[in-house]
C-alpha atoms as a PDB file:
ATOM      1  CA  UNK A   1       2.121  -2.944  -1.379  1.00  0.00           C
ATOM      2  CA  UNK A   2       4.394  -0.269  -3.558  1.00  0.00           C
ATOM      3  CA  UNK A   3       8.168   0.183  -2.716  1.00  0.00           C
ATOM      4  CA  UNK A   4       8.120  -2.877  -1.418  1.00  0.00           C
ATOM      5  CA  UNK A   5       6.786  -2.307   1.744  1.00  0.00           C
ATOM      6  CA  UNK A   6       5.129  -4.524   4.171  1.00  0.00           C
ATOM      7  CA  UNK A   7       1.309  -3.589   4.849  1.00  0.00           C
ATOM      8  CA  UNK A   8       1.537  -5.040   8.210  1.00  0.00           C
ATOM      9  CA  UNK A   9       4.397  -2.471   9.166  1.00  0.00           C
ATOM     10  CA  UNK A  10       2.729   0.823   7.258  1.00  0.00           C
ATOM     11  CA  UNK A  11      -0.820  -0.221   9.217  1.00  0.00           C
ATOM     12  CA  UNK A  12       1.295  -0.787  12.780  1.00  0.00           C
ATOM     13  CA  UNK A  13       2.714   2.893  12.117  1.00  0.00           C
ATOM     14  CA  UNK A  14      -0.287   4.603  11.158  1.00  0.00           C
ATOM     15  CA  UNK A  15      -1.855   2.776  13.998  1.00  0.00           C
ATOM     16  CA  UNK A  16       0.546   3.748  16.548  1.00  0.00           C
ATOM     17  CA  UNK A  17       1.396   7.115  15.587  1.00  0.00           C
ATOM     18  CA  UNK A  18      -2.487   8.459  15.864  1.00  0.00           C
ATOM     19  CA  UNK A  19      -2.587   6.334  18.986  1.00  0.00           C
ATOM     20  CA  UNK A  20       0.238   8.855  20.544  1.00  0.00           C
ATOM     21  CA  UNK A  21      -1.343  11.626  19.252  1.00  0.00           C
ATOM     22  CA  UNK A  22      -5.076  10.397  20.596  1.00  0.00           C
ATOM     23  CA  UNK A  23      -3.447   9.678  24.106  1.00  0.00           C
ATOM     24  CA  UNK A  24      -1.227  12.944  24.268  1.00  0.00           C
ATOM     25  CA  UNK A  25      -4.454  15.159  23.188  1.00  0.00           C
ATOM     26  CA  UNK A  26      -7.002  13.399  25.567  1.00  0.00           C
ATOM     27  CA  UNK A  27      -4.560  12.666  28.605  1.00  0.00           C
ATOM     28  CA  UNK A  28      -4.521   8.976  28.519  1.00  0.00           C
ATOM     29  CA  UNK A  29      -3.132   5.384  28.018  1.00  0.00           C
ATOM     30  CA  UNK A  30      -3.238   2.197  26.510  1.00  0.00           C
ATOM     31  CA  UNK A  31      -4.445   0.771  23.020  1.00  0.00           C
ATOM     32  CA  UNK A  32      -6.808   3.255  21.148  1.00  0.00           C
ATOM     33  CA  UNK A  33      -7.457   0.326  18.458  1.00  0.00           C
ATOM     34  CA  UNK A  34      -9.811  -2.880  19.446  1.00  0.00           C
ATOM     35  CA  UNK A  35      -9.280  -5.332  16.756  1.00  0.00           C
ATOM     36  CA  UNK A  36      -5.824  -5.915  14.305  1.00  0.00           C
ATOM     37  CA  UNK A  37      -6.724  -4.367  10.985  1.00  0.00           C
ATOM     38  CA  UNK A  38      -7.782  -6.634   8.091  1.00  0.00           C
ATOM     39  CA  UNK A  39      -6.409  -7.268   4.863  1.00  0.00           C
ATOM     40  CA  UNK A  40      -8.629  -9.300   2.278  1.00  0.00           C
ATOM     41  CA  UNK A  41      -7.300 -10.391  -1.508  1.00  0.00           C
ATOM     42  CA  UNK A  42      -9.806  -8.826  -4.135  1.00  0.00           C
ATOM     43  CA  UNK A  43      -9.733 -11.178  -6.450  1.00  0.00           C
ATOM     44  CA  UNK A  44     -12.573  -9.975  -8.951  1.00  0.00           C
ATOM     45  CA  UNK A  45     -14.380  -7.145 -10.064  1.00  0.00           C
ATOM     46  CA  UNK A  46     -17.370  -8.441  -8.946  1.00  0.00           C
ATOM     47  CA  UNK A  47     -16.151  -8.843  -5.341  1.00  0.00           C
ATOM     48  CA  UNK A  48     -13.670  -5.238  -5.908  1.00  0.00           C
ATOM     49  CA  UNK A  49     -17.697  -3.710  -6.285  1.00  0.00           C
ATOM     50  CA  UNK A  50     -18.894  -5.188  -3.798  1.00  0.00           C
ATOM     51  CA  UNK A  51     -16.452  -4.162  -1.154  1.00  0.00           C
ATOM     52  CA  UNK A  52     -16.265  -0.616  -2.528  1.00  0.00           C
ATOM     53  CA  UNK A  53     -20.193  -0.269  -1.821  1.00  0.00           C
ATOM     54  CA  UNK A  54     -19.394  -2.038   1.674  1.00  0.00           C
ATOM     55  CA  UNK A  55     -17.164   1.122   2.472  1.00  0.00           C
ATOM     56  CA  UNK A  56     -19.414   3.647   1.466  1.00  0.00           C
ATOM     57  CA  UNK A  57     -21.869   2.151   3.672  1.00  0.00           C
ATOM     58  CA  UNK A  58     -19.872   1.823   6.715  1.00  0.00           C
ATOM     59  CA  UNK A  59     -21.108   5.726   7.842  1.00  0.00           C
ATOM     60  CA  UNK A  60     -24.270   4.370   8.467  1.00  0.00           C
ATOM     61  CA  UNK A  61     -23.346   3.326  11.949  1.00  0.00           C
ATOM     62  CA  UNK A  62     -22.578   6.347  13.109  1.00  0.00           C
ATOM     63  CA  UNK A  63     -25.124   8.788  14.824  1.00  0.00           C
ATOM     64  CA  UNK A  64     -26.792  10.940  12.403  1.00  0.00           C
ATOM     65  CA  UNK A  65     -25.266   9.494   9.209  1.00  0.00           C
ATOM     66  CA  UNK A  66     -27.562   6.241   9.910  1.00  0.00           C
ATOM     67  CA  UNK A  67     -29.687   7.688   6.136  1.00  0.00           C
ATOM     68  CA  UNK A  68     -26.792  10.129   4.312  1.00  0.00           C
ATOM     69  CA  UNK A  69     -23.709   8.412   4.764  1.00  0.00           C
ATOM     70  CA  UNK A  70     -22.679  10.582   1.447  1.00  0.00           C
ATOM     71  CA  UNK A  71     -22.232  13.646   4.026  1.00  0.00           C
ATOM     72  CA  UNK A  72     -19.935  12.334   5.935  1.00  0.00           C
ATOM     73  CA  UNK A  73     -16.812  14.358   5.459  1.00  0.00           C
ATOM     74  CA  UNK A  74     -13.965  11.128   5.553  1.00  0.00           C
ATOM     75  CA  UNK A  75     -15.689   9.201   2.826  1.00  0.00           C
ATOM     76  CA  UNK A  76     -15.343   9.677  -0.848  1.00  0.00           C
ATOM     77  CA  UNK A  77     -18.804   8.325  -1.377  1.00  0.00           C
ATOM     78  CA  UNK A  78     -19.915  12.245  -2.586  1.00  0.00           C
ATOM     79  CA  UNK A  79     -17.396  12.017  -5.244  1.00  0.00           C
ATOM     80  CA  UNK A  80     -18.795   8.604  -6.419  1.00  0.00           C
ATOM     81  CA  UNK A  81     -22.428  10.647  -6.711  1.00  0.00           C
ATOM     82  CA  UNK A  82     -21.378  13.673  -8.045  1.00  0.00           C
ATOM     83  CA  UNK A  83     -22.028  15.791  -5.140  1.00  0.00           C
ATOM     84  CA  UNK A  84     -18.676  16.897  -4.381  1.00  0.00           C
ATOM     85  CA  UNK A  85     -15.165  17.384  -6.398  1.00  0.00           C
ATOM     86  CA  UNK A  86     -12.121  15.143  -5.621  1.00  0.00           C
ATOM     87  CA  UNK A  87      -9.812  17.778  -5.256  1.00  0.00           C
ATOM     88  CA  UNK A  88      -6.812  15.514  -4.575  1.00  0.00           C
ATOM     89  CA  UNK A  89      -7.380  13.999  -7.333  1.00  0.00           C
ATOM     90  CA  UNK A  90      -7.114  10.312  -6.127  1.00  0.00           C
ATOM     91  CA  UNK A  91     -10.341   8.840  -6.560  1.00  0.00           C
ATOM     92  CA  UNK A  92     -10.850   6.667  -9.807  1.00  0.00           C
ATOM     93  CA  UNK A  93     -14.979   6.448  -9.676  1.00  0.00           C
ATOM     94  CA  UNK A  94     -15.152   6.003 -13.192  1.00  0.00           C
ATOM     95  CA  UNK A  95     -14.127   2.379 -12.484  1.00  0.00           C
ATOM     96  CA  UNK A  96     -16.452   1.526 -10.178  1.00  0.00           C
ATOM     97  CA  UNK A  97     -19.260   3.398 -11.563  1.00  0.00           C
ATOM     98  CA  UNK A  98     -18.664   1.733 -15.205  1.00  0.00           C
ATOM     99  CA  UNK A  99     -19.961  -1.970 -13.890  1.00  0.00           C
ATOM    100  CA  UNK A 100     -23.186  -0.340 -13.459  1.00  0.00           C
ATOM    101  CA  UNK A 101     -24.253   1.775 -16.480  1.00  0.00           C
ATOM    102  CA  UNK A 102     -22.388   4.383 -19.158  1.00  0.00           C
ATOM    103  CA  UNK A 103     -25.482   6.962 -18.222  1.00  0.00           C
ATOM    104  CA  UNK A 104     -23.697   8.750 -15.329  1.00  0.00           C
ATOM    105  CA  UNK A 105     -27.162   9.626 -13.470  1.00  0.00           C
ATOM    106  CA  UNK A 106     -27.979   5.817 -13.694  1.00  0.00           C
ATOM    107  CA  UNK A 107     -24.957   4.935 -12.967  1.00  0.00           C
ATOM    108  CA  UNK A 108     -25.233   6.975  -9.415  1.00  0.00           C
ATOM    109  CA  UNK A 109     -28.811   6.430  -8.464  1.00  0.00           C
ATOM    110  CA  UNK A 110     -27.763   2.481  -9.208  1.00  0.00           C
ATOM    111  CA  UNK A 111     -25.037   2.746  -6.647  1.00  0.00           C
ATOM    112  CA  UNK A 112     -26.613   4.714  -3.923  1.00  0.00           C
ATOM    113  CA  UNK A 113     -28.997   2.044  -3.844  1.00  0.00           C
ATOM    114  CA  UNK A 114     -26.894  -0.835  -4.138  1.00  0.00           C
ATOM    115  CA  UNK A 115     -24.498   1.476  -1.020  1.00  0.00           C
ATOM    116  CA  UNK A 116     -27.297   1.396   1.488  1.00  0.00           C
ATOM    117  CA  UNK A 117     -28.187  -2.359   1.412  1.00  0.00           C
ATOM    118  CA  UNK A 118     -24.539  -3.340   1.470  1.00  0.00           C
ATOM    119  CA  UNK A 119     -24.178  -3.686   5.203  1.00  0.00           C
ATOM    120  CA  UNK A 120     -22.292  -6.286   7.012  1.00  0.00           C
ATOM    121  CA  UNK A 121     -24.832  -9.069   6.969  1.00  0.00           C
ATOM    122  CA  UNK A 122     -25.079  -8.886   3.014  1.00  0.00           C
ATOM    123  CA  UNK A 123     -21.255  -8.733   2.751  1.00  0.00           C
ATOM    124  CA  UNK A 124     -21.509 -12.056   4.853  1.00  0.00           C
ATOM    125  CA  UNK A 125     -24.179 -13.332   2.799  1.00  0.00           C
ATOM    126  CA  UNK A 126     -22.262 -12.291  -0.610  1.00  0.00           C
ATOM    127  CA  UNK A 127     -18.661 -12.572  -0.116  1.00  0.00           C
ATOM    128  CA  UNK A 128     -16.947 -12.465   3.356  1.00  0.00           C
ATOM    129  CA  UNK A 129     -17.312 -16.212   4.580  1.00  0.00           C
ATOM    130  CA  UNK A 130     -18.208 -17.661   1.073  1.00  0.00           C
ATOM    131  CA  UNK A 131     -15.232 -20.070   0.046  1.00  0.00           C
ATOM    132  CA  UNK A 132     -12.853 -17.755   1.392  1.00  0.00           C
ATOM    133  CA  UNK A 133      -9.202 -19.375   1.357  1.00  0.00           C
ATOM    134  CA  UNK A 134      -7.659 -19.328   4.773  1.00  0.00           C
ATOM    135  CA  UNK A 135      -3.984 -19.649   2.878  1.00  0.00           C
ATOM    136  CA  UNK A 136      -2.295 -19.812  -0.367  1.00  0.00           C
ATOM    137  CA  UNK A 137      -0.071 -22.197  -0.893  1.00  0.00           C
ATOM    138  CA  UNK A 138      -0.074 -23.485  -4.935  1.00  0.00           C
ATOM    139  CA  UNK A 139      -1.840 -20.456  -6.497  1.00  0.00           C
ATOM    140  CA  UNK A 140       0.839 -17.650  -5.746  1.00  0.00           C
ATOM    141  CA  UNK A 141       4.380 -17.641  -4.972  1.00  0.00           C
ATOM    142  CA  UNK A 142       5.392 -15.981  -1.368  1.00  0.00           C
ATOM    143  CA  UNK A 143       8.031 -13.117  -1.867  1.00  0.00           C
ATOM    144  CA  UNK A 144      10.780 -14.032   0.643  1.00  0.00           C
ATOM    145  CA  UNK A 145      11.949 -11.027   2.747  1.00  0.00           C
ATOM    146  CA  UNK A 146      14.678 -12.862   4.747  1.00  0.00           C
ATOM    147  CA  UNK A 147      17.511 -11.895   2.925  1.00  0.00           C
ATOM    148  CA  UNK A 148      20.460 -10.350   4.269  1.00  0.00           C
ATOM    149  CA  UNK A 149      21.398  -6.412   3.389  1.00  0.00           C
ATOM    150  CA  UNK A 150      24.561  -6.965   2.667  1.00  0.00           C
ATOM    151  CA  UNK A 151      23.814  -9.496  -0.170  1.00  0.00           C
ATOM    152  CA  UNK A 152      21.974  -6.913  -2.056  1.00  0.00           C
ATOM    153  CA  UNK A 153      24.790  -4.588  -1.242  1.00  0.00           C
ATOM    154  CA  UNK A 154      27.038  -7.295  -2.698  1.00  0.00           C
ATOM    155  CA  UNK A 155      24.598  -7.374  -5.895  1.00  0.00           C
ATOM    156  CA  UNK A 156      24.362  -3.727  -6.665  1.00  0.00           C
ATOM    157  CA  UNK A 157      28.042  -3.072  -6.643  1.00  0.00           C
ATOM    158  CA  UNK A 158      28.169  -5.905  -9.122  1.00  0.00           C
ATOM    159  CA  UNK A 159      25.184  -5.233 -11.063  1.00  0.00           C
ATOM    160  CA  UNK A 160      25.804  -1.457 -11.234  1.00  0.00           C
ATOM    161  CA  UNK A 161      29.639  -1.550 -11.350  1.00  0.00           C
ATOM    162  CA  UNK A 162      29.794   1.126  -8.323  1.00  0.00           C
ATOM    163  CA  UNK A 163      31.908   0.345  -5.202  1.00  0.00           C
ATOM    164  CA  UNK A 164      29.958  -0.272  -2.094  1.00  0.00           C
ATOM    165  CA  UNK A 165      32.071   2.821  -0.925  1.00  0.00           C
ATOM    166  CA  UNK A 166      30.299   5.223  -2.843  1.00  0.00           C
ATOM    167  CA  UNK A 167      27.151   3.553  -1.749  1.00  0.00           C
ATOM    168  CA  UNK A 168      27.682   5.390   1.648  1.00  0.00           C
ATOM    169  CA  UNK A 169      29.320   8.552   0.414  1.00  0.00           C
ATOM    170  CA  UNK A 170      26.103  11.208   0.222  1.00  0.00           C
ATOM    171  CA  UNK A 171      27.321  13.353  -2.428  1.00  0.00           C
ATOM    172  CA  UNK A 172      28.622  11.196  -4.867  1.00  0.00           C
ATOM    173  CA  UNK A 173      26.547  11.786  -7.955  1.00  0.00           C
ATOM    174  CA  UNK A 174      27.943   8.663 -10.083  1.00  0.00           C
ATOM    175  CA  UNK A 175      26.522   6.451  -7.341  1.00  0.00           C
ATOM    176  CA  UNK A 176      22.883   7.885  -6.795  1.00  0.00           C
ATOM    177  CA  UNK A 177      21.363   5.454  -9.119  1.00  0.00           C
ATOM    178  CA  UNK A 178      23.112   2.462  -7.463  1.00  0.00           C
ATOM    179  CA  UNK A 179      22.104   3.730  -3.840  1.00  0.00           C
ATOM    180  CA  UNK A 180      18.670   4.486  -4.844  1.00  0.00           C
ATOM    181  CA  UNK A 181      18.591   0.910  -6.131  1.00  0.00           C
ATOM    182  CA  UNK A 182      20.346  -0.458  -3.175  1.00  0.00           C
ATOM    183  CA  UNK A 183      17.727   1.360  -0.974  1.00  0.00           C
ATOM    184  CA  UNK A 184      14.854   0.211  -3.080  1.00  0.00           C
ATOM    185  CA  UNK A 185      16.123  -3.908  -2.892  1.00  0.00           C
ATOM    186  CA  UNK A 186      16.412  -3.473   0.840  1.00  0.00           C
ATOM    187  CA  UNK A 187      13.260  -2.277   1.345  1.00  0.00           C
ATOM    188  CA  UNK A 188      11.869  -4.931  -1.009  1.00  0.00           C
ATOM    189  CA  UNK A 189      14.233  -8.368   0.250  1.00  0.00           C
ATOM    190  CA  UNK A 190      15.356  -7.466   3.332  1.00  0.00           C
ATOM    191  CA  UNK A 191      12.010  -5.816   5.283  1.00  0.00           C
ATOM    192  CA  UNK A 192      14.004  -3.263   6.640  1.00  0.00           C
ATOM    193  CA  UNK A 193      12.478  -0.020   7.749  1.00  0.00           C
ATOM    194  CA  UNK A 194      13.620   3.467   6.992  1.00  0.00           C
ATOM    195  CA  UNK A 195      15.633   3.889   9.985  1.00  0.00           C
ATOM    196  CA  UNK A 196      17.633   0.914   9.881  1.00  0.00           C
ATOM    197  CA  UNK A 197      18.384   1.591   5.920  1.00  0.00           C
ATOM    198  CA  UNK A 198      19.580   4.927   7.682  1.00  0.00           C
ATOM    199  CA  UNK A 199      21.809   2.904  10.384  1.00  0.00           C
ATOM    200  CA  UNK A 200      23.067   0.587   7.527  1.00  0.00           C
ATOM    201  CA  UNK A 201      24.169   2.931   4.476  1.00  0.00           C
ATOM    202  CA  UNK A 202      24.694   6.399   7.049  1.00  0.00           C
ATOM    203  CA  UNK A 203      24.885  10.138   6.478  1.00  0.00           C
ATOM    204  CA  UNK A 204      20.729   9.621   5.037  1.00  0.00           C
ATOM    205  CA  UNK A 205      17.990  11.340   6.992  1.00  0.00           C
ATOM    206  CA  UNK A 206      14.629   9.288   6.760  1.00  0.00           C
ATOM    207  CA  UNK A 207      13.093  11.291   4.110  1.00  0.00           C
ATOM    208  CA  UNK A 208      16.266  11.201   1.707  1.00  0.00           C
ATOM    209  CA  UNK A 209      15.752   7.202   1.956  1.00  0.00           C
ATOM    210  CA  UNK A 210      12.044   7.503   0.996  1.00  0.00           C
ATOM    211  CA  UNK A 211      13.119   9.713  -1.783  1.00  0.00           C
ATOM    212  CA  UNK A 212      15.607   7.068  -2.674  1.00  0.00           C
ATOM    213  CA  UNK A 213      13.288   3.999  -2.629  1.00  0.00           C
ATOM    214  CA  UNK A 214      10.828   6.072  -4.727  1.00  0.00           C
ATOM    215  CA  UNK A 215      13.486   7.007  -7.349  1.00  0.00           C
ATOM    216  CA  UNK A 216      14.971   3.279  -7.091  1.00  0.00           C
ATOM    217  CA  UNK A 217      11.541   1.982  -8.213  1.00  0.00           C
ATOM    218  CA  UNK A 218      11.240   4.644 -11.008  1.00  0.00           C
ATOM    219  CA  UNK A 219      14.567   3.205 -12.345  1.00  0.00           C
ATOM    220  CA  UNK A 220      13.393  -0.595 -12.408  1.00  0.00           C
ATOM    221  CA  UNK A 221       9.595   1.037 -14.214  1.00  0.00           C
ATOM    222  CA  UNK A 222      11.295   3.383 -16.636  1.00  0.00           C
ATOM    223  CA  UNK A 223      15.389   1.982 -17.359  1.00  0.00           C
ATOM    224  CA  UNK A 224      15.924  -0.706 -19.609  1.00  0.00           C
ATOM    225  CA  UNK A 225      18.908  -1.414 -17.856  1.00  0.00           C
ATOM    226  CA  UNK A 226      17.192  -2.221 -14.488  1.00  0.00           C
ATOM    227  CA  UNK A 227      14.454  -3.454 -15.907  1.00  0.00           C
ATOM    228  CA  UNK A 228      15.011  -7.191 -14.627  1.00  0.00           C
ATOM    229  CA  UNK A 229      17.225  -6.473 -11.739  1.00  0.00           C
ATOM    230  CA  UNK A 230      14.530  -7.872  -8.780  1.00  0.00           C
ATOM    231  CA  UNK A 231      14.267 -11.228 -10.720  1.00  0.00           C
ATOM    232  CA  UNK A 232      18.371 -11.150 -11.622  1.00  0.00           C
ATOM    233  CA  UNK A 233      18.439 -10.963  -7.900  1.00  0.00           C
ATOM    234  CA  UNK A 234      16.888 -13.633  -7.386  1.00  0.00           C
ATOM    235  CA  UNK A 235      18.669 -16.091  -9.835  1.00  0.00           C
ATOM    236  CA  UNK A 236      21.562 -14.923  -8.136  1.00  0.00           C
ATOM    237  CA  UNK A 237      20.740 -15.966  -4.953  1.00  0.00           C
ATOM    238  CA  UNK A 238      19.044 -19.098  -6.063  1.00  0.00           C
ATOM    239  CA  UNK A 239      22.053 -20.142  -7.894  1.00  0.00           C
ATOM    240  CA  UNK A 240      24.326 -19.382  -5.217  1.00  0.00           C
END
């Protein structure tokens, strides 16, 4: 997930926040969601296309939307069909629709038909339980997230030639880049929450920590000085 965040913690935060809101509004207690969320690896375009259709088929389980999932206001299906505009500019429907036909009208007709049949039974038959791996070993490297924050701070101090004390001084402009890189690497390699980073560095708000994490990511992506910083950190730890 972007910015080194753990998707499990991300989803836990969403579920917890919504459960608190829901329970307060309706004067109730206990769990709101029955099962843990599921995350699946989308390994090819064929599976991606099917997953997209399956998601857009989900509203058919809701009363009133059995035959018109495109009318469900919390779905992007209507955007894919050209019935509504993507007002937030976050949907890339062209990628999915390009699998079907270059002609927009024909692609939308084919996609609609496929969505309407892409229910649970179809998913089970086509993809869900077909050669699904239980775990990954040789096929990918596992990102280690158990480094100590002090290790990251020492590394950043040497890498950017900025005193560790300056990393904790809020208004030192010279240390802004170093502080941003430090926050990002702590998120990435130590799996710290924003609140934990606030306690570690101090004098920072949660929103500022989030902002620094984004700045750190942008620096790594755009600044030649830092493009290899993640690999360099791992190399140094491996030598140690």
